[in-house]
Structure formats: C-alpha cells, structure tokens
C-alpha atoms as a PDB file:
ATOM      1  CA  MET A   1      -7.918 -11.494  10.174  1.00  0.00           C
ATOM      2  CA  VAL A   2      -4.476 -11.807   8.597  1.00  0.00           C
ATOM      3  CA  ARG A   3      -5.782 -10.396   5.315  1.00  0.00           C
ATOM      4  CA  LEU A   4      -7.117  -7.399   7.223  1.00  0.00           C
ATOM      5  CA  ALA A   5      -3.654  -6.745   8.682  1.00  0.00           C
ATOM      6  CA  LEU A   6      -2.159  -6.779   5.191  1.00  0.00           C
ATOM      7  CA  PRO A   7      -3.638  -3.389   4.173  1.00  0.00           C
ATOM      8  CA  LEU A   8      -3.696  -1.910   7.690  1.00  0.00           C
ATOM      9  CA  MET A   9       0.029  -2.243   8.394  1.00  0.00           C
ATOM     10  CA  PRO A  10       1.211  -0.129   5.445  1.00  0.00           C
ATOM     11  CA  ALA A  11      -1.623   2.363   6.012  1.00  0.00           C
ATOM     12  CA  VAL A  12      -0.482   2.989   9.584  1.00  0.00           C
ATOM     13  CA  MET A  13       3.155   3.187   8.521  1.00  0.00           C
ATOM     14  CA  LEU A  14       2.285   5.703   5.786  1.00  0.00           C
ATOM     15  CA  ILE A  15       0.438   7.908   8.276  1.00  0.00           C
ATOM     16  CA  ILE A  16       3.298   7.686  10.775  1.00  0.00           C
ATOM     17  CA  ALA A  17       5.681   8.749   7.978  1.00  0.00           C
ATOM     18  CA  PHE A  18       4.469  12.344   8.444  1.00  0.00           C
ATOM     19  CA  GLY A  19       6.786  12.584  11.452  1.00  0.00           C
ATOM     20  CA  GLU A  20      10.522  13.118  11.351  1.00  0.00           C
ATOM     21  CA  TRP A  21      12.247   9.765  10.884  1.00  0.00           C
ATOM     22  CA  PRO A  22      15.682   8.580   9.851  1.00  0.00           C
ATOM     23  CA  TYR A  23      16.050   7.765   6.166  1.00  0.00           C
ATOM     24  CA  GLY A  24      16.072   4.036   7.004  1.00  0.00           C
ATOM     25  CA  TYR A  25      12.399   4.248   8.051  1.00  0.00           C
ATOM     26  CA  TYR A  26      11.423   5.500   4.612  1.00  0.00           C
ATOM     27  CA  GLN A  27      13.428   2.732   2.946  1.00  0.00           C
ATOM     28  CA  PHE A  28      11.650   0.166   5.125  1.00  0.00           C
ATOM     29  CA  LEU A  29       8.329   1.888   4.363  1.00  0.00           C
ATOM     30  CA  ARG A  30       8.932   1.431   0.623  1.00  0.00           C
ATOM     31  CA  LEU A  31       9.609  -2.254   1.161  1.00  0.00           C
ATOM     32  CA  VAL A  32       6.486  -2.814   3.294  1.00  0.00           C
ATOM     33  CA  VAL A  33       4.175  -0.831   1.006  1.00  0.00           C
ATOM     34  CA  CYS A  34       5.520  -2.491  -2.141  1.00  0.00           C
ATOM     35  CA  ALA A  35       5.322  -6.016  -0.686  1.00  0.00           C
ATOM     36  CA  SER A  36       1.814  -5.434   0.683  1.00  0.00           C
ATOM     37  CA  ALA A  37       0.618  -4.014  -2.631  1.00  0.00           C
ATOM     38  CA  ILE A  38       2.019  -7.019  -4.505  1.00  0.00           C
ATOM     39  CA  ALA A  39       0.421  -9.448  -2.041  1.00  0.00           C
ATOM     40  CA  ILE A  40      -2.966  -7.712  -2.333  1.00  0.00           C
ATOM     41  CA  SER A  41      -2.648  -7.764  -6.146  1.00  0.00           C
ATOM     42  CA  ILE A  42      -2.083 -11.508  -6.062  1.00  0.00           C
ATOM     43  CA  ILE A  43      -5.008 -12.054  -3.675  1.00  0.00           C
ATOM     44  CA  GLU A  44      -7.302  -9.971  -5.887  1.00  0.00           C
ATOM     45  CA  PHE A  45      -6.271 -11.812  -9.021  1.00  0.00           C
ATOM     46  CA  LYS A  46      -6.847 -15.187  -7.350  1.00  0.00           C
ATOM     47  CA  ARG A  47     -10.267 -14.073  -6.048  1.00  0.00           C
ATOM     48  CA  ALA A  48     -11.514 -12.786  -9.378  1.00  0.00           C
ATOM     49  CA  GLY A  49      -9.557 -14.972 -11.782  1.00  0.00           C
ATOM     50  CA  THR A  50      -9.144 -11.927 -13.990  1.00  0.00           C
ATOM     51  CA  PRO A  51      -7.563  -8.484 -13.587  1.00  0.00           C
ATOM     52  CA  THR A  52      -9.704  -6.142 -11.485  1.00  0.00           C
ATOM     53  CA  TRP A  53      -9.620  -2.439 -10.753  1.00  0.00           C
ATOM     54  CA  TRP A  54      -7.994  -3.172  -7.369  1.00  0.00           C
ATOM     55  CA  LEU A  55      -5.276  -5.191  -9.070  1.00  0.00           C
ATOM     56  CA  TYR A  56      -4.315  -2.264 -11.291  1.00  0.00           C
ATOM     57  CA  VAL A  57      -4.377   0.183  -8.371  1.00  0.00           C
ATOM     58  CA  PHE A  58      -2.111  -1.945  -6.205  1.00  0.00           C
ATOM     59  CA  VAL A  59       0.291  -2.765  -9.042  1.00  0.00           C
ATOM     60  CA  GLY A  60       0.623   0.996  -9.549  1.00  0.00           C
ATOM     61  CA  ILE A  61       1.288   1.471  -5.834  1.00  0.00           C
ATOM     62  CA  ALA A  62       3.888  -1.317  -5.908  1.00  0.00           C
ATOM     63  CA  LEU A  63       5.659   0.390  -8.814  1.00  0.00           C
ATOM     64  CA  LEU A  64       5.556   3.792  -7.112  1.00  0.00           C
ATOM     65  CA  PHE A  65       6.984   2.456  -3.832  1.00  0.00           C
ATOM     66  CA  ASN A  66       9.409   0.012  -5.462  1.00  0.00           C
ATOM     67  CA  PRO A  67      12.510  -0.073  -3.211  1.00  0.00           C
ATOM     68  CA  VAL A  68      14.822  -1.164  -6.054  1.00  0.00           C
ATOM     69  CA  ALA A  69      14.020   1.352  -8.805  1.00  0.00           C
ATOM     70  CA  THR A  70      13.099   4.297  -6.616  1.00  0.00           C
ATOM     71  CA  VAL A  71      10.977   7.220  -7.722  1.00  0.00           C
ATOM     72  CA  HIS A  72      12.195  10.590  -6.430  1.00  0.00           C
ATOM     73  CA  PHE A  73       9.832  13.419  -5.464  1.00  0.00           C
ATOM     74  CA  GLU A  74      10.032  16.389  -3.131  1.00  0.00           C
ATOM     75  CA  LYS A  75       9.001  15.768   0.482  1.00  0.00           C
ATOM     76  CA  GLN A  76       5.714  17.668   0.058  1.00  0.00           C
ATOM     77  CA  ILE A  77       4.713  15.487  -2.883  1.00  0.00           C
ATOM     78  CA  TRP A  78       5.596  12.320  -0.972  1.00  0.00           C
ATOM     79  CA  GLN A  79       3.415  13.497   1.912  1.00  0.00           C
ATOM     80  CA  VAL A  80       0.420  13.871  -0.396  1.00  0.00           C
ATOM     81  CA  LEU A  81       1.137  10.479  -1.975  1.00  0.00           C
ATOM     82  CA  ASP A  82       1.601   8.833   1.437  1.00  0.00           C
ATOM     83  CA  PHE A  83      -1.742  10.212   2.622  1.00  0.00           C
ATOM     84  CA  ALA A  84      -3.541   9.171  -0.574  1.00  0.00           C
ATOM     85  CA  VAL A  85      -2.039   5.660  -0.616  1.00  0.00           C
ATOM     86  CA  ALA A  86      -2.838   5.193   3.093  1.00  0.00           C
ATOM     87  CA  GLY A  87      -6.428   6.076   2.183  1.00  0.00           C
ATOM     88  CA  VAL A  88      -6.435   3.494  -0.610  1.00  0.00           C
ATOM     89  CA  PHE A  89      -5.182   0.788   1.766  1.00  0.00           C
ATOM     90  CA  LEU A  90      -7.817   1.740   4.373  1.00  0.00           C
ATOM     91  CA  ILE A  91     -10.643   1.786   1.815  1.00  0.00           C
ATOM     92  CA  TYR A  92      -9.519  -1.613   0.553  1.00  0.00           C
ATOM     93  CA  ALA A  93      -9.476  -2.958   4.128  1.00  0.00           C
ATOM     94  CA  VAL A  94     -13.021  -1.756   4.805  1.00  0.00           C
ATOM     95  CA  MET A  95     -14.386  -2.980   1.476  1.00  0.00           C
ATOM     96  CA  SER A  96     -12.629  -6.318   1.834  1.00  0.00           C
ATOM     97  CA  LEU A  97     -14.025  -6.752   5.327  1.00  0.00           C
ATOM     98  CA  ARG A  98     -17.561  -5.936   4.173  1.00  0.00           C
ATOM     99  CA  LYS A  99     -17.383  -8.116   1.079  1.00  0.00           C
ATOM    100  CA  TYR A 100     -15.467 -11.132   2.308  1.00  0.00           C
ATOM    101  CA  GLY A 101     -15.681 -10.912   6.092  1.00  0.00           C
ATOM    102  CA  ASP A 102     -11.929 -11.547   6.472  1.00  0.00           C
END
C-alpha cells in the first residue's frame, strides 16, 4: 500500500496546484514530485534489473521538477505539464496495482 501512495501523493498535489497558492506550495510541489519520481525510478530499476520505459519517463519528470536547477515556463504551460504529469503518476499507480498488487 505504501508503493501505491508514492504515485498518488504527487498526483493529488499536481491537481490541487490548479488553485491559487503561495509560491512556497509550488516549491514544495517540485520537491515532492522530484523525490517521488526518483523513488519510482529506483523501484522500477530494481524490479526489472534493467532500464525500462517507466524509468526513463520518471527520470524525465524528476529533471523537469528538479527543485535545485529549476525550469521556468509560463503559468499556462505549467498547468498543462502538471495535468499531464498527474496523469502519468495515476496511470503508473493503476498499472502497478494491476501488475504487482501493491
């Protein structure tokens, strides 16, 4: 059940990000999304023993949401990215649950 929370937490936070929040929320969001993406990448690599499609997707997400070397886009672009990345986390959660029963 803990592995299911790993993709769900950032997905919910990304969806909530469509509201008006102080800048600190978005900084915390970057940290949570990046850390979750790294953790999922590690889990996927350990499961498969070799790089998988999911590994590459989540490494890309980790780089995009990196809180240290930030990527700057307009708010409208971030909203599209937030929605798309939330979808990726949710799809991963569903597929992981079906495949591994976590």
